[in-house]
Protein backbone atom coordinates (compact mmCIF):
# COMPACT_ATOMS: atom_id res chain seq x y z
CA MET A 1 0.07 6.16 -10.26
CA ALA A 2 1.55 6.74 -6.78
CA SER A 3 0.77 9.90 -4.90
CA ARG A 4 3.66 12.30 -4.32
CA ASP A 5 1.98 13.97 -1.35
CA ILE A 6 4.14 14.09 1.77
CA ASN A 7 2.61 13.24 5.13
CA VAL A 8 4.05 14.83 8.27
CA ILE A 9 3.72 13.71 11.87
CA ALA A 10 5.56 15.42 14.70
CA LEU A 11 6.09 15.14 18.42
CA VAL A 12 7.44 17.81 20.75
CA LYS A 13 8.89 16.57 24.05
CA GLY A 14 10.33 19.43 26.05
CA SER A 15 13.14 20.88 23.96
CA GLU A 16 13.23 17.87 21.60
CA ARG A 17 11.41 17.72 18.29
CA TYR A 18 10.67 14.50 16.41
CA VAL A 19 9.42 15.05 12.87
CA PHE A 20 8.67 12.22 10.45
CA LEU A 21 8.01 12.75 6.74
CA PHE A 22 6.68 9.95 4.55
CA ASP A 23 4.69 9.39 1.40
CA ASP A 24 1.97 6.79 0.90
CA ASP A 25 4.47 4.30 -0.53
CA SER A 26 6.81 4.51 2.48
CA ARG A 27 4.26 4.07 5.26
CA ALA A 28 5.84 0.77 6.41
CA GLU A 29 9.28 2.38 6.59
CA ALA A 30 7.85 5.21 8.70
CA LEU A 31 6.38 2.68 11.15
CA ALA A 32 9.75 0.89 11.33
CA ALA A 33 11.52 4.20 12.03
CA LEU A 34 9.16 4.85 14.94
CA GLY A 35 10.14 1.48 16.40
CA ARG A 36 13.86 2.16 15.94
CA HIS A 37 13.54 5.50 17.73
CA ALA A 38 11.60 3.92 20.60
CA ALA A 39 14.23 1.17 20.97
CA ASN A 40 17.07 3.71 21.17
CA PRO A 41 17.91 4.27 24.87
CA ASP A 42 19.71 7.53 24.02
CA LEU A 43 16.42 9.17 23.00
CA SER A 44 13.50 10.24 25.16
CA PHE A 45 11.19 8.85 22.45
CA SER A 46 9.19 6.11 24.19
CA TRP A 47 7.21 3.10 23.00
CA TYR A 48 4.07 5.00 23.99
CA ASP A 49 5.17 7.87 21.71
CA ALA A 50 5.76 5.34 18.91
CA ALA A 51 2.31 3.79 19.41
CA VAL A 52 0.54 7.16 19.32
CA LEU A 53 2.39 8.29 16.19
CA ALA A 54 1.93 4.88 14.53
CA GLN A 55 -1.81 5.29 14.96
CA LYS A 56 -1.56 8.66 13.21
CA VAL A 57 0.46 7.11 10.37
CA ARG A 58 -2.24 4.49 9.88
CA GLN A 59 -5.01 7.10 10.03
CA ALA A 60 -3.24 9.12 7.33
CA ALA A 61 -3.61 6.19 4.92
CA PRO A 62 -5.76 7.01 1.91
CA ARG A 63 -9.13 5.37 2.25
CA PRO A 64 -10.41 3.30 -0.65
CA ARG A 65 -13.24 4.92 -2.53
CA ARG A 66 -16.61 3.30 -1.97
CA LEU A 67 -18.53 2.32 -5.02
CA ARG A 68 -22.10 3.49 -5.20
CA ILE A 69 -24.45 0.87 -6.58
CA VAL A 70 -27.14 2.38 -8.77
CA PRO A 71 -30.00 0.17 -9.90
CA ARG A 72 -30.31 -0.27 -13.63
CA ALA A 73 -33.13 1.72 -15.19
CA ASP A 74 -34.54 -1.29 -17.04
CA ARG A 75 -34.81 -3.45 -13.91
CA GLN A 76 -38.13 -3.57 -12.12
CA ILE A 77 -37.98 -3.02 -8.40
């Protein structure tokens, strides 16, 4: 089942505010949006800004749960 939690990343540049909302299933679309904003010459949003926020998008990814290996009780060590 997909998570319905919403992730938020934001950047404030002077009087401008860039706010990106995405769920775990739309992480790739969020990264693409960062690139589109950086490529837009009408915005002050730079490629550096996109790189920093992209790192935050990747860090917000849910981490897989680690399995803990427990030795069987009937096995001799």
